[in-house]
Amino acid sequence: MNVVENLDKVTTHLLALLDGPLPAEESRDAFLEEIDKALQIRDSLLQRLAPPFSETEMALGKKVALASQQVTPKLEGFQKQLKQEWAQVQQSKKTAKAYGQAYNSPTADGMYYDKRN
């Protein structure tokens, strides 16, 4: 099997992975590792790609180029979603810390004062 055919298979597999939603947190690591592995294989195949190409390779190359245009926005969408979830986790940690530390210092008259910013 030549490089263009392998590139087509890897790109098709990558698109199949990216078509679905982002999995739940329990299986997310395996999912992201599989995407990373497919991207690394695809990158190595792109580096090995060299002319001259036959007619079938040219047609397959056009198919791969169209699929590649779909991969980038889907990856960016996943990245944006992961960043949003990370920001929510960081905000919840900050909020929990602010409420937890409020009870550490004694008050003058036994009343609770909210010290959050």
PDB file of N, CA and C in Angstrom:
ATOM      1  N   MET A   1       0.844  -1.171   0.000  1.00  0.00           N
ATOM      2  CA  MET A   1       0.000   0.000   0.000  1.00  0.00           C
ATOM      3  C   MET A   1       0.896   1.245   0.000  1.00  0.00           C
ATOM      4  N   ASN A   2       0.547   2.213  -0.834  1.00  0.00           N
ATOM      5  CA  ASN A   2       1.412   3.383  -0.920  1.00  0.00           C
ATOM      6  C   ASN A   2       1.023   4.458   0.094  1.00  0.00           C
ATOM      7  N   VAL A   3       1.783   5.509   0.110  1.00  0.00           N
ATOM      8  CA  VAL A   3       1.643   6.563   1.114  1.00  0.00           C
ATOM      9  C   VAL A   3       0.292   7.273   0.997  1.00  0.00           C
ATOM     10  N   VAL A   4      -0.155   7.526  -0.220  1.00  0.00           N
ATOM     11  CA  VAL A   4      -1.411   8.252  -0.418  1.00  0.00           C
ATOM     12  C   VAL A   4      -2.593   7.425   0.083  1.00  0.00           C
ATOM     13  N   GLU A   5      -2.564   6.126  -0.156  1.00  0.00           N
ATOM     14  CA  GLU A   5      -3.653   5.266   0.326  1.00  0.00           C
ATOM     15  C   GLU A   5      -3.662   5.206   1.860  1.00  0.00           C
ATOM     16  N   ASN A   6      -2.488   5.104   2.451  1.00  0.00           N
ATOM     17  CA  ASN A   6      -2.397   5.110   3.913  1.00  0.00           C
ATOM     18  C   ASN A   6      -2.881   6.445   4.483  1.00  0.00           C
ATOM     19  N   LEU A   7      -2.503   7.523   3.828  1.00  0.00           N
ATOM     20  CA  LEU A   7      -2.926   8.850   4.260  1.00  0.00           C
ATOM     21  C   LEU A   7      -4.445   8.980   4.190  1.00  0.00           C
ATOM     22  N   ASP A   8      -5.037   8.428   3.157  1.00  0.00           N
ATOM     23  CA  ASP A   8      -6.496   8.453   3.029  1.00  0.00           C
ATOM     24  C   ASP A   8      -7.154   7.666   4.161  1.00  0.00           C
ATOM     25  N   LYS A   9      -6.623   6.497   4.473  1.00  0.00           N
ATOM     26  CA  LYS A   9      -7.196   5.676   5.551  1.00  0.00           C
ATOM     27  C   LYS A   9      -7.087   6.383   6.905  1.00  0.00           C
ATOM     28  N   VAL A  10      -5.933   6.959   7.188  1.00  0.00           N
ATOM     29  CA  VAL A  10      -5.731   7.632   8.475  1.00  0.00           C
ATOM     30  C   VAL A  10      -6.625   8.872   8.574  1.00  0.00           C
ATOM     31  N   THR A  11      -6.734   9.631   7.495  1.00  0.00           N
ATOM     32  CA  THR A  11      -7.573  10.833   7.505  1.00  0.00           C
ATOM     33  C   THR A  11      -9.044  10.462   7.666  1.00  0.00           C
ATOM     34  N   THR A  12      -9.477   9.403   7.004  1.00  0.00           N
ATOM     35  CA  THR A  12     -10.857   8.940   7.143  1.00  0.00           C
ATOM     36  C   THR A  12     -11.129   8.495   8.577  1.00  0.00           C
ATOM     37  N   HIS A  13     -10.178   7.779   9.165  1.00  0.00           N
ATOM     38  CA  HIS A  13     -10.318   7.339  10.561  1.00  0.00           C
ATOM     39  C   HIS A  13     -10.378   8.544  11.502  1.00  0.00           C
ATOM     40  N   LEU A  14      -9.546   9.529  11.249  1.00  0.00           N
ATOM     41  CA  LEU A  14      -9.524  10.732  12.069  1.00  0.00           C
ATOM     42  C   LEU A  14     -10.851  11.487  11.974  1.00  0.00           C
ATOM     43  N   LEU A  15     -11.393  11.596  10.773  1.00  0.00           N
ATOM     44  CA  LEU A  15     -12.689  12.256  10.602  1.00  0.00           C
ATOM     45  C   LEU A  15     -13.797  11.491  11.314  1.00  0.00           C
ATOM     46  N   ALA A  16     -13.729  10.165  11.277  1.00  0.00           N
ATOM     47  CA  ALA A  16     -14.733   9.351  11.971  1.00  0.00           C
ATOM     48  C   ALA A  16     -14.670   9.605  13.479  1.00  0.00           C
ATOM     49  N   LEU A  17     -13.458   9.742  14.005  1.00  0.00           N
ATOM     50  CA  LEU A  17     -13.312  10.043  15.432  1.00  0.00           C
ATOM     51  C   LEU A  17     -13.873  11.417  15.770  1.00  0.00           C
ATOM     52  N   LEU A  18     -13.622  12.381  14.915  1.00  0.00           N
ATOM     53  CA  LEU A  18     -14.005  13.762  15.187  1.00  0.00           C
ATOM     54  C   LEU A  18     -15.472  14.046  14.908  1.00  0.00           C
ATOM     55  N   ASP A  19     -16.157  13.154  14.203  1.00  0.00           N
ATOM     56  CA  ASP A  19     -17.567  13.389  13.886  1.00  0.00           C
ATOM     57  C   ASP A  19     -18.462  13.293  15.107  1.00  0.00           C
ATOM     58  N   GLY A  20     -18.095  12.471  16.052  1.00  0.00           N
ATOM     59  CA  GLY A  20     -18.913  12.320  17.249  1.00  0.00           C
ATOM     60  C   GLY A  20     -18.657  13.417  18.254  1.00  0.00           C
ATOM     61  N   PRO A  21     -19.447  13.413  19.320  1.00  0.00           N
ATOM     62  CA  PRO A  21     -19.219  14.408  20.372  1.00  0.00           C
ATOM     63  C   PRO A  21     -18.024  14.029  21.234  1.00  0.00           C
ATOM     64  N   LEU A  22     -17.580  14.958  22.021  1.00  0.00           N
ATOM     65  CA  LEU A  22     -16.496  14.714  22.962  1.00  0.00           C
ATOM     66  C   LEU A  22     -17.011  13.749  24.029  1.00  0.00           C
ATOM     67  N   PRO A  23     -16.314  12.630  24.255  1.00  0.00           N
ATOM     68  CA  PRO A  23     -16.817  11.649  25.220  1.00  0.00           C
ATOM     69  C   PRO A  23     -16.773  12.162  26.658  1.00  0.00           C
ATOM     70  N   ALA A  24     -17.416  11.400  27.527  1.00  0.00           N
ATOM     71  CA  ALA A  24     -17.436  11.752  28.951  1.00  0.00           C
ATOM     72  C   ALA A  24     -16.023  11.710  29.509  1.00  0.00           C
ATOM     73  N   GLU A  25     -15.848  12.309  30.679  1.00  0.00           N
ATOM     74  CA  GLU A  25     -14.512  12.448  31.264  1.00  0.00           C
ATOM     75  C   GLU A  25     -13.822  11.105  31.501  1.00  0.00           C
ATOM     76  N   GLU A  26     -14.588  10.060  31.778  1.00  0.00           N
ATOM     77  CA  GLU A  26     -13.986   8.760  32.077  1.00  0.00           C
ATOM     78  C   GLU A  26     -13.230   8.186  30.879  1.00  0.00           C
ATOM     79  N   SER A  27     -13.751   8.361  29.682  1.00  0.00           N
ATOM     80  CA  SER A  27     -13.114   7.792  28.491  1.00  0.00           C
ATOM     81  C   SER A  27     -12.422   8.839  27.630  1.00  0.00           C
ATOM     82  N   ARG A  28     -12.330  10.053  28.116  1.00  0.00           N
ATOM     83  CA  ARG A  28     -11.770  11.139  27.318  1.00  0.00           C
ATOM     84  C   ARG A  28     -10.277  10.978  27.057  1.00  0.00           C
ATOM     85  N   ASP A  29      -9.519  10.503  28.045  1.00  0.00           N
ATOM     86  CA  ASP A  29      -8.074  10.357  27.858  1.00  0.00           C
ATOM     87  C   ASP A  29      -7.751   9.396  26.724  1.00  0.00           C
ATOM     88  N   ALA A  30      -8.430   8.258  26.692  1.00  0.00           N
ATOM     89  CA  ALA A  30      -8.199   7.281  25.625  1.00  0.00           C
ATOM     90  C   ALA A  30      -8.580   7.869  24.269  1.00  0.00           C
ATOM     91  N   PHE A  31      -9.665   8.616  24.237  1.00  0.00           N
ATOM     92  CA  PHE A  31     -10.123   9.246  23.003  1.00  0.00           C
ATOM     93  C   PHE A  31      -9.096  10.252  22.492  1.00  0.00           C
ATOM     94  N   LEU A  32      -8.594  11.095  23.388  1.00  0.00           N
ATOM     95  CA  LEU A  32      -7.604  12.098  22.991  1.00  0.00           C
ATOM     96  C   LEU A  32      -6.281  11.456  22.580  1.00  0.00           C
ATOM     97  N   GLU A  33      -5.905  10.369  23.231  1.00  0.00           N
ATOM     98  CA  GLU A  33      -4.687   9.655  22.836  1.00  0.00           C
ATOM     99  C   GLU A  33      -4.835   9.054  21.447  1.00  0.00           C
ATOM    100  N   GLU A  34      -6.023   8.535  21.140  1.00  0.00           N
ATOM    101  CA  GLU A  34      -6.257   7.959  19.812  1.00  0.00           C
ATOM    102  C   GLU A  34      -6.201   9.044  18.738  1.00  0.00           C
ATOM    103  N   ILE A  35      -6.757  10.211  19.033  1.00  0.00           N
ATOM    104  CA  ILE A  35      -6.683  11.326  18.083  1.00  0.00           C
ATOM    105  C   ILE A  35      -5.229  11.755  17.894  1.00  0.00           C
ATOM    106  N   ASP A  36      -4.484  11.850  18.989  1.00  0.00           N
ATOM    107  CA  ASP A  36      -3.076  12.252  18.917  1.00  0.00           C
ATOM    108  C   ASP A  36      -2.269  11.245  18.093  1.00  0.00           C
ATOM    109  N   LYS A  37      -2.522   9.977  18.306  1.00  0.00           N
ATOM    110  CA  LYS A  37      -1.814   8.935  17.560  1.00  0.00           C
ATOM    111  C   LYS A  37      -2.121   9.039  16.062  1.00  0.00           C
ATOM    112  N   ALA A  38      -3.391   9.253  15.722  1.00  0.00           N
ATOM    113  CA  ALA A  38      -3.772   9.389  14.319  1.00  0.00           C
ATOM    114  C   ALA A  38      -3.132  10.635  13.702  1.00  0.00           C
ATOM    115  N   LEU A  39      -3.061  11.718  14.452  1.00  0.00           N
ATOM    116  CA  LEU A  39      -2.430  12.941  13.938  1.00  0.00           C
ATOM    117  C   LEU A  39      -0.932  12.749  13.719  1.00  0.00           C
ATOM    118  N   GLN A  40      -0.271  12.018  14.617  1.00  0.00           N
ATOM    119  CA  GLN A  40       1.161  11.759  14.449  1.00  0.00           C
ATOM    120  C   GLN A  40       1.422  10.881  13.228  1.00  0.00           C
ATOM    121  N   ILE A  41       0.611   9.847  13.050  1.00  0.00           N
ATOM    122  CA  ILE A  41       0.762   8.977  11.884  1.00  0.00           C
ATOM    123  C   ILE A  41       0.524   9.782  10.610  1.00  0.00           C
ATOM    124  N   ARG A  42      -0.508  10.599  10.635  1.00  0.00           N
ATOM    125  CA  ARG A  42      -0.840  11.423   9.472  1.00  0.00           C
ATOM    126  C   ARG A  42       0.293  12.394   9.152  1.00  0.00           C
ATOM    127  N   ASP A  43       0.896  12.980  10.171  1.00  0.00           N
ATOM    128  CA  ASP A  43       2.007  13.904   9.968  1.00  0.00           C
ATOM    129  C   ASP A  43       3.201  13.190   9.343  1.00  0.00           C
ATOM    130  N   SER A  44       3.509  11.998   9.829  1.00  0.00           N
ATOM    131  CA  SER A  44       4.645  11.260   9.261  1.00  0.00           C
ATOM    132  C   SER A  44       4.370  10.868   7.812  1.00  0.00           C
ATOM    133  N   LEU A  45       3.120  10.534   7.491  1.00  0.00           N
ATOM    134  CA  LEU A  45       2.775  10.191   6.108  1.00  0.00           C
ATOM    135  C   LEU A  45       2.864  11.424   5.204  1.00  0.00           C
ATOM    136  N   LEU A  46       2.452  12.580   5.716  1.00  0.00           N
ATOM    137  CA  LEU A  46       2.541  13.802   4.920  1.00  0.00           C
ATOM    138  C   LEU A  46       3.994  14.165   4.619  1.00  0.00           C
ATOM    139  N   GLN A  47       4.887  13.891   5.560  1.00  0.00           N
ATOM    140  CA  GLN A  47       6.298  14.179   5.335  1.00  0.00           C
ATOM    141  C   GLN A  47       6.910  13.238   4.304  1.00  0.00           C
ATOM    142  N   ARG A  48       6.378  12.021   4.212  1.00  0.00           N
ATOM    143  CA  ARG A  48       6.901  11.036   3.252  1.00  0.00           C
ATOM    144  C   ARG A  48       6.290  11.190   1.861  1.00  0.00           C
ATOM    145  N   LEU A  49       5.301  12.042   1.737  1.00  0.00           N
ATOM    146  CA  LEU A  49       4.605  12.237   0.471  1.00  0.00           C
ATOM    147  C   LEU A  49       5.515  12.950  -0.525  1.00  0.00           C
ATOM    148  N   ALA A  50       5.735  12.325  -1.694  1.00  0.00           N
ATOM    149  CA  ALA A  50       6.619  12.929  -2.700  1.00  0.00           C
ATOM    150  C   ALA A  50       6.131  12.573  -4.100  1.00  0.00           C
ATOM    151  N   PRO A  51       6.187  13.537  -5.019  1.00  0.00           N
ATOM    152  CA  PRO A  51       5.789  13.267  -6.407  1.00  0.00           C
ATOM    153  C   PRO A  51       6.793  12.363  -7.094  1.00  0.00           C
ATOM    154  N   PRO A  52       6.530  11.819  -8.190  1.00  0.00           N
ATOM    155  CA  PRO A  52       5.374  11.949  -9.084  1.00  0.00           C
ATOM    156  C   PRO A  52       4.208  11.063  -8.612  1.00  0.00           C
ATOM    157  N   PHE A  53       3.000  11.526  -8.961  1.00  0.00           N
ATOM    158  CA  PHE A  53       1.792  10.817  -8.560  1.00  0.00           C
ATOM    159  C   PHE A  53       1.069  10.283  -9.787  1.00  0.00           C
ATOM    160  N   SER A  54       0.453   9.123  -9.626  1.00  0.00           N
ATOM    161  CA  SER A  54      -0.357   8.552 -10.701  1.00  0.00           C
ATOM    162  C   SER A  54      -1.730   9.218 -10.694  1.00  0.00           C
ATOM    163  N   GLU A  55      -2.557   8.869 -11.675  1.00  0.00           N
ATOM    164  CA  GLU A  55      -3.907   9.443 -11.763  1.00  0.00           C
ATOM    165  C   GLU A  55      -4.742   9.073 -10.540  1.00  0.00           C
ATOM    166  N   THR A  56      -4.661   7.826 -10.108  1.00  0.00           N
ATOM    167  CA  THR A  56      -5.445   7.396  -8.940  1.00  0.00           C
ATOM    168  C   THR A  56      -4.949   8.083  -7.674  1.00  0.00           C
ATOM    169  N   GLU A  57      -3.646   8.264  -7.577  1.00  0.00           N
ATOM    170  CA  GLU A  57      -3.092   8.963  -6.419  1.00  0.00           C
ATOM    171  C   GLU A  57      -3.517  10.427  -6.404  1.00  0.00           C
ATOM    172  N   MET A  58      -3.611  11.049  -7.564  1.00  0.00           N
ATOM    173  CA  MET A  58      -4.057  12.442  -7.642  1.00  0.00           C
ATOM    174  C   MET A  58      -5.515  12.565  -7.180  1.00  0.00           C
ATOM    175  N   ALA A  59      -6.362  11.635  -7.625  1.00  0.00           N
ATOM    176  CA  ALA A  59      -7.771  11.659  -7.232  1.00  0.00           C
ATOM    177  C   ALA A  59      -7.903  11.426  -5.724  1.00  0.00           C
ATOM    178  N   LEU A  60      -7.130  10.476  -5.221  1.00  0.00           N
ATOM    179  CA  LEU A  60      -7.147  10.183  -3.790  1.00  0.00           C
ATOM    180  C   LEU A  60      -6.590  11.361  -2.999  1.00  0.00           C
ATOM    181  N   GLY A  61      -5.596  12.044  -3.551  1.00  0.00           N
ATOM    182  CA  GLY A  61      -5.023  13.219  -2.910  1.00  0.00           C
ATOM    183  C   GLY A  61      -6.030  14.355  -2.791  1.00  0.00           C
ATOM    184  N   LYS A  62      -6.855  14.530  -3.816  1.00  0.00           N
ATOM    185  CA  LYS A  62      -7.895  15.560  -3.757  1.00  0.00           C
ATOM    186  C   LYS A  62      -8.906  15.228  -2.663  1.00  0.00           C
ATOM    187  N   LYS A  63      -9.240  13.940  -2.549  1.00  0.00           N
ATOM    188  CA  LYS A  63     -10.166  13.503  -1.500  1.00  0.00           C
ATOM    189  C   LYS A  63      -9.571  13.769  -0.107  1.00  0.00           C
ATOM    190  N   VAL A  64      -8.288  13.483   0.045  1.00  0.00           N
ATOM    191  CA  VAL A  64      -7.605  13.708   1.318  1.00  0.00           C
ATOM    192  C   VAL A  64      -7.547  15.204   1.629  1.00  0.00           C
ATOM    193  N   ALA A  65      -7.307  16.025   0.621  1.00  0.00           N
ATOM    194  CA  ALA A  65      -7.239  17.475   0.825  1.00  0.00           C
ATOM    195  C   ALA A  65      -8.585  18.019   1.295  1.00  0.00           C
ATOM    196  N   LEU A  66      -9.676  17.535   0.727  1.00  0.00           N
ATOM    197  CA  LEU A  66     -11.006  17.970   1.160  1.00  0.00           C
ATOM    198  C   LEU A  66     -11.288  17.513   2.584  1.00  0.00           C
ATOM    199  N   ALA A  67     -10.890  16.294   2.908  1.00  0.00           N
ATOM    200  CA  ALA A  67     -11.094  15.782   4.263  1.00  0.00           C
ATOM    201  C   ALA A  67     -10.247  16.561   5.261  1.00  0.00           C
ATOM    202  N   SER A  68      -9.047  16.957   4.854  1.00  0.00           N
ATOM    203  CA  SER A  68      -8.166  17.718   5.737  1.00  0.00           C
ATOM    204  C   SER A  68      -8.762  19.076   6.079  1.00  0.00           C
ATOM    205  N   GLN A  69      -9.506  19.656   5.157  1.00  0.00           N
ATOM    206  CA  GLN A  69     -10.153  20.940   5.423  1.00  0.00           C
ATOM    207  C   GLN A  69     -11.252  20.794   6.480  1.00  0.00           C
ATOM    208  N   GLN A  70     -11.790  19.589   6.625  1.00  0.00           N
ATOM    209  CA  GLN A  70     -12.816  19.349   7.634  1.00  0.00           C
ATOM    210  C   GLN A  70     -12.202  19.033   8.994  1.00  0.00           C
ATOM    211  N   VAL A  71     -10.993  18.500   9.006  1.00  0.00           N
ATOM    212  CA  VAL A  71     -10.344  18.091  10.252  1.00  0.00           C
ATOM    213  C   VAL A  71     -10.014  19.287  11.129  1.00  0.00           C
ATOM    214  N   THR A  72      -9.448  20.324  10.550  1.00  0.00           N
ATOM    215  CA  THR A  72      -8.979  21.475  11.327  1.00  0.00           C
ATOM    216  C   THR A  72     -10.097  22.151  12.125  1.00  0.00           C
ATOM    217  N   PRO A  73     -11.253  22.486  11.533  1.00  0.00           N
ATOM    218  CA  PRO A  73     -12.298  23.131  12.340  1.00  0.00           C
ATOM    219  C   PRO A  73     -12.845  22.221  13.446  1.00  0.00           C
ATOM    220  N   LYS A  74     -12.895  20.926  13.181  1.00  0.00           N
ATOM    221  CA  LYS A  74     -13.394  20.004  14.198  1.00  0.00           C
ATOM    222  C   LYS A  74     -12.426  19.918  15.371  1.00  0.00           C
ATOM    223  N   LEU A  75     -11.136  19.897  15.078  1.00  0.00           N
ATOM    224  CA  LEU A  75     -10.140  19.890  16.148  1.00  0.00           C
ATOM    225  C   LEU A  75     -10.195  21.190  16.945  1.00  0.00           C
ATOM    226  N   GLU A  76     -10.371  22.301  16.262  1.00  0.00           N
ATOM    227  CA  GLU A  76     -10.475  23.584  16.952  1.00  0.00           C
ATOM    228  C   GLU A  76     -11.716  23.639  17.838  1.00  0.00           C
ATOM    229  N   GLY A  77     -12.815  23.028  17.379  1.00  0.00           N
ATOM    230  CA  GLY A  77     -14.029  22.976  18.184  1.00  0.00           C
ATOM    231  C   GLY A  77     -13.828  22.167  19.457  1.00  0.00           C
ATOM    232  N   PHE A  78     -13.141  21.016  19.337  1.00  0.00           N
ATOM    233  CA  PHE A  78     -12.835  20.208  20.513  1.00  0.00           C
ATOM    234  C   PHE A  78     -11.921  20.971  21.460  1.00  0.00           C
ATOM    235  N   GLN A  79     -10.938  21.670  20.913  1.00  0.00           N
ATOM    236  CA  GLN A  79     -10.014  22.431  21.738  1.00  0.00           C
ATOM    237  C   GLN A  79     -10.762  23.531  22.494  1.00  0.00           C
ATOM    238  N   LYS A  80     -11.669  24.203  21.833  1.00  0.00           N
ATOM    239  CA  LYS A  80     -12.445  25.262  22.468  1.00  0.00           C
ATOM    240  C   LYS A  80     -13.309  24.693  23.593  1.00  0.00           C
ATOM    241  N   GLN A  81     -13.927  23.553  23.343  1.00  0.00           N
ATOM    242  CA  GLN A  81     -14.771  22.927  24.351  1.00  0.00           C
ATOM    243  C   GLN A  81     -13.949  22.507  25.568  1.00  0.00           C
ATOM    244  N   LEU A  82     -12.774  21.939  25.332  1.00  0.00           N
ATOM    245  CA  LEU A  82     -11.909  21.528  26.435  1.00  0.00           C
ATOM    246  C   LEU A  82     -11.433  22.741  27.240  1.00  0.00           C
ATOM    247  N   LYS A  83     -11.112  23.838  26.571  1.00  0.00           N
ATOM    248  CA  LYS A  83     -10.691  25.056  27.269  1.00  0.00           C
ATOM    249  C   LYS A  83     -11.821  25.601  28.140  1.00  0.00           C
ATOM    250  N   GLN A  84     -13.049  25.549  27.631  1.00  0.00           N
ATOM    251  CA  GLN A  84     -14.183  26.028  28.414  1.00  0.00           C
ATOM    252  C   GLN A  84     -14.384  25.167  29.654  1.00  0.00           C
ATOM    253  N   GLU A  85     -14.291  23.857  29.492  1.00  0.00           N
ATOM    254  CA  GLU A  85     -14.437  22.970  30.641  1.00  0.00           C
ATOM    255  C   GLU A  85     -13.318  23.202  31.656  1.00  0.00           C
ATOM    256  N   TRP A  86     -12.111  23.423  31.171  1.00  0.00           N
ATOM    257  CA  TRP A  86     -10.984  23.679  32.072  1.00  0.00           C
ATOM    258  C   TRP A  86     -11.189  24.979  32.842  1.00  0.00           C
ATOM    259  N   ALA A  87     -11.693  25.994  32.167  1.00  0.00           N
ATOM    260  CA  ALA A  87     -11.956  27.270  32.834  1.00  0.00           C
ATOM    261  C   ALA A  87     -13.040  27.110  33.900  1.00  0.00           C
ATOM    262  N   GLN A  88     -14.043  26.286  33.626  1.00  0.00           N
ATOM    263  CA  GLN A  88     -15.086  26.038  34.620  1.00  0.00           C
ATOM    264  C   GLN A  88     -14.519  25.314  35.838  1.00  0.00           C
ATOM    265  N   VAL A  89     -13.639  24.361  35.612  1.00  0.00           N
ATOM    266  CA  VAL A  89     -13.009  23.638  36.727  1.00  0.00           C
ATOM    267  C   VAL A  89     -12.170  24.596  37.564  1.00  0.00           C
ATOM    268  N   GLN A  90     -11.400  25.437  36.914  1.00  0.00           N
ATOM    269  CA  GLN A  90     -10.563  26.394  37.637  1.00  0.00           C
ATOM    270  C   GLN A  90     -11.423  27.383  38.441  1.00  0.00           C
ATOM    271  N   GLN A  91     -12.527  27.823  37.854  1.00  0.00           N
ATOM    272  CA  GLN A  91     -13.413  28.752  38.552  1.00  0.00           C
ATOM    273  C   GLN A  91     -14.068  28.084  39.757  1.00  0.00           C
ATOM    274  N   SER A  92     -14.466  26.838  39.613  1.00  0.00           N
ATOM    275  CA  SER A  92     -15.089  26.143  40.747  1.00  0.00           C
ATOM    276  C   SER A  92     -14.070  25.901  41.864  1.00  0.00           C
ATOM    277  N   LYS A  93     -12.814  25.633  41.505  1.00  0.00           N
ATOM    278  CA  LYS A  93     -11.763  25.490  42.520  1.00  0.00           C
ATOM    279  C   LYS A  93     -11.560  26.805  43.272  1.00  0.00           C
ATOM    280  N   LYS A  94     -11.537  27.887  42.523  1.00  0.00           N
ATOM    281  CA  LYS A  94     -11.335  29.203  43.121  1.00  0.00           C
ATOM    282  C   LYS A  94     -12.491  29.550  44.058  1.00  0.00           C
ATOM    283  N   THR A  95     -13.707  29.255  43.639  1.00  0.00           N
ATOM    284  CA  THR A  95     -14.880  29.530  44.457  1.00  0.00           C
ATOM    285  C   THR A  95     -14.871  28.679  45.722  1.00  0.00           C
ATOM    286  N   ALA A  96     -14.560  27.400  45.591  1.00  0.00           N
ATOM    287  CA  ALA A  96     -14.520  26.506  46.753  1.00  0.00           C
ATOM    288  C   ALA A  96     -13.450  26.959  47.738  1.00  0.00           C
ATOM    289  N   LYS A  97     -12.328  27.401  47.229  1.00  0.00           N
ATOM    290  CA  LYS A  97     -11.249  27.874  48.095  1.00  0.00           C
ATOM    291  C   LYS A  97     -11.668  29.144  48.834  1.00  0.00           C
ATOM    292  N   ALA A  98     -12.351  30.038  48.140  1.00  0.00           N
ATOM    293  CA  ALA A  98     -12.785  31.289  48.760  1.00  0.00           C
ATOM    294  C   ALA A  98     -13.781  31.023  49.889  1.00  0.00           C
ATOM    295  N   TYR A  99     -14.704  30.115  49.685  1.00  0.00           N
ATOM    296  CA  TYR A  99     -15.668  29.800  50.740  1.00  0.00           C
ATOM    297  C   TYR A  99     -15.026  29.006  51.867  1.00  0.00           C
ATOM    298  N   GLY A 100     -14.104  28.146  51.548  1.00  0.00           N
ATOM    299  CA  GLY A 100     -13.440  27.337  52.570  1.00  0.00           C
ATOM    300  C   GLY A 100     -12.573  28.161  53.487  1.00  0.00           C
ATOM    301  N   GLN A 101     -11.916  29.154  52.970  1.00  0.00           N
ATOM    302  CA  GLN A 101     -11.033  29.997  53.782  1.00  0.00           C
ATOM    303  C   GLN A 101     -11.801  31.038  54.592  1.00  0.00           C
ATOM    304  N   ALA A 102     -13.050  31.245  54.293  1.00  0.00           N
ATOM    305  CA  ALA A 102     -13.835  32.243  55.010  1.00  0.00           C
ATOM    306  C   ALA A 102     -14.049  31.842  56.471  1.00  0.00           C
ATOM    307  N   TYR A 103     -14.031  30.558  56.742  1.00  0.00           N
ATOM    308  CA  TYR A 103     -14.284  30.078  58.096  1.00  0.00           C
ATOM    309  C   TYR A 103     -13.010  29.916  58.919  1.00  0.00           C
ATOM    310  N   ASN A 104     -11.863  30.169  58.361  1.00  0.00           N
ATOM    311  CA  ASN A 104     -10.599  30.001  59.071  1.00  0.00           C
ATOM    312  C   ASN A 104     -10.316  31.122  60.065  1.00  0.00           C
ATOM    313  N   SER A 105     -10.727  32.311  59.747  1.00  0.00           N
ATOM    314  CA  SER A 105     -10.411  33.428  60.642  1.00  0.00           C
ATOM    315  C   SER A 105     -11.591  33.697  61.577  1.00  0.00           C
ATOM    316  N   PRO A 106     -11.310  33.939  62.853  1.00  0.00           N
ATOM    317  CA  PRO A 106     -12.399  34.220  63.797  1.00  0.00           C
ATOM    318  C   PRO A 106     -12.957  35.624  63.571  1.00  0.00           C
ATOM    319  N   THR A 107     -14.217  35.795  63.892  1.00  0.00           N
ATOM    320  CA  THR A 107     -14.841  37.108  63.769  1.00  0.00           C
ATOM    321  C   THR A 107     -14.927  37.752  65.148  1.00  0.00           C
ATOM    322  N   ALA A 108     -15.061  39.058  65.172  1.00  0.00           N
ATOM    323  CA  ALA A 108     -15.052  39.804  66.436  1.00  0.00           C
ATOM    324  C   ALA A 108     -16.293  39.517  67.273  1.00  0.00           C
ATOM    325  N   ASP A 109     -17.437  39.436  66.643  1.00  0.00           N
ATOM    326  CA  ASP A 109     -18.656  39.268  67.420  1.00  0.00           C
ATOM    327  C   ASP A 109     -19.380  37.957  67.113  1.00  0.00           C
ATOM    328  N   GLY A 110     -18.717  37.027  66.480  1.00  0.00           N
ATOM    329  CA  GLY A 110     -19.336  35.739  66.177  1.00  0.00           C
ATOM    330  C   GLY A 110     -20.150  35.742  64.900  1.00  0.00           C
ATOM    331  N   MET A 111     -20.183  36.841  64.176  1.00  0.00           N
ATOM    332  CA  MET A 111     -20.931  36.896  62.922  1.00  0.00           C
ATOM    333  C   MET A 111     -20.021  36.482  61.769  1.00  0.00           C
ATOM    334  N   TYR A 112     -20.628  36.021  60.741  1.00  0.00           N
ATOM    335  CA  TYR A 112     -19.899  35.607  59.546  1.00  0.00           C
ATOM    336  C   TYR A 112     -19.866  36.765  58.561  1.00  0.00           C
ATOM    337  N   TYR A 113     -18.658  37.085  58.090  1.00  0.00           N
ATOM    338  CA  TYR A 113     -18.493  38.109  57.067  1.00  0.00           C
ATOM    339  C   TYR A 113     -17.958  37.443  55.822  1.00  0.00           C
ATOM    340  N   ASP A 114     -18.580  37.716  54.695  1.00  0.00           N
ATOM    341  CA  ASP A 114     -18.145  37.156  53.421  1.00  0.00           C
ATOM    342  C   ASP A 114     -16.970  37.982  52.913  1.00  0.00           C
ATOM    343  N   LYS A 115     -15.775  37.351  52.828  1.00  0.00           N
ATOM    344  CA  LYS A 115     -14.546  38.058  52.453  1.00  0.00           C
ATOM    345  C   LYS A 115     -14.200  37.911  50.975  1.00  0.00           C
ATOM    346  N   ARG A 116     -15.090  37.355  50.192  1.00  0.00           N
ATOM    347  CA  ARG A 116     -14.767  37.158  48.781  1.00  0.00           C
ATOM    348  C   ARG A 116     -14.581  38.486  48.070  1.00  0.00           C
ATOM    349  N   ASN A 117     -13.798  38.422  47.016  1.00  0.00           N
ATOM    350  CA  ASN A 117     -13.558  39.626  46.225  1.00  0.00           C
ATOM    351  C   ASN A 117     -14.744  39.961  45.375  1.00  0.00           C
TER     352      ASN A 117
END
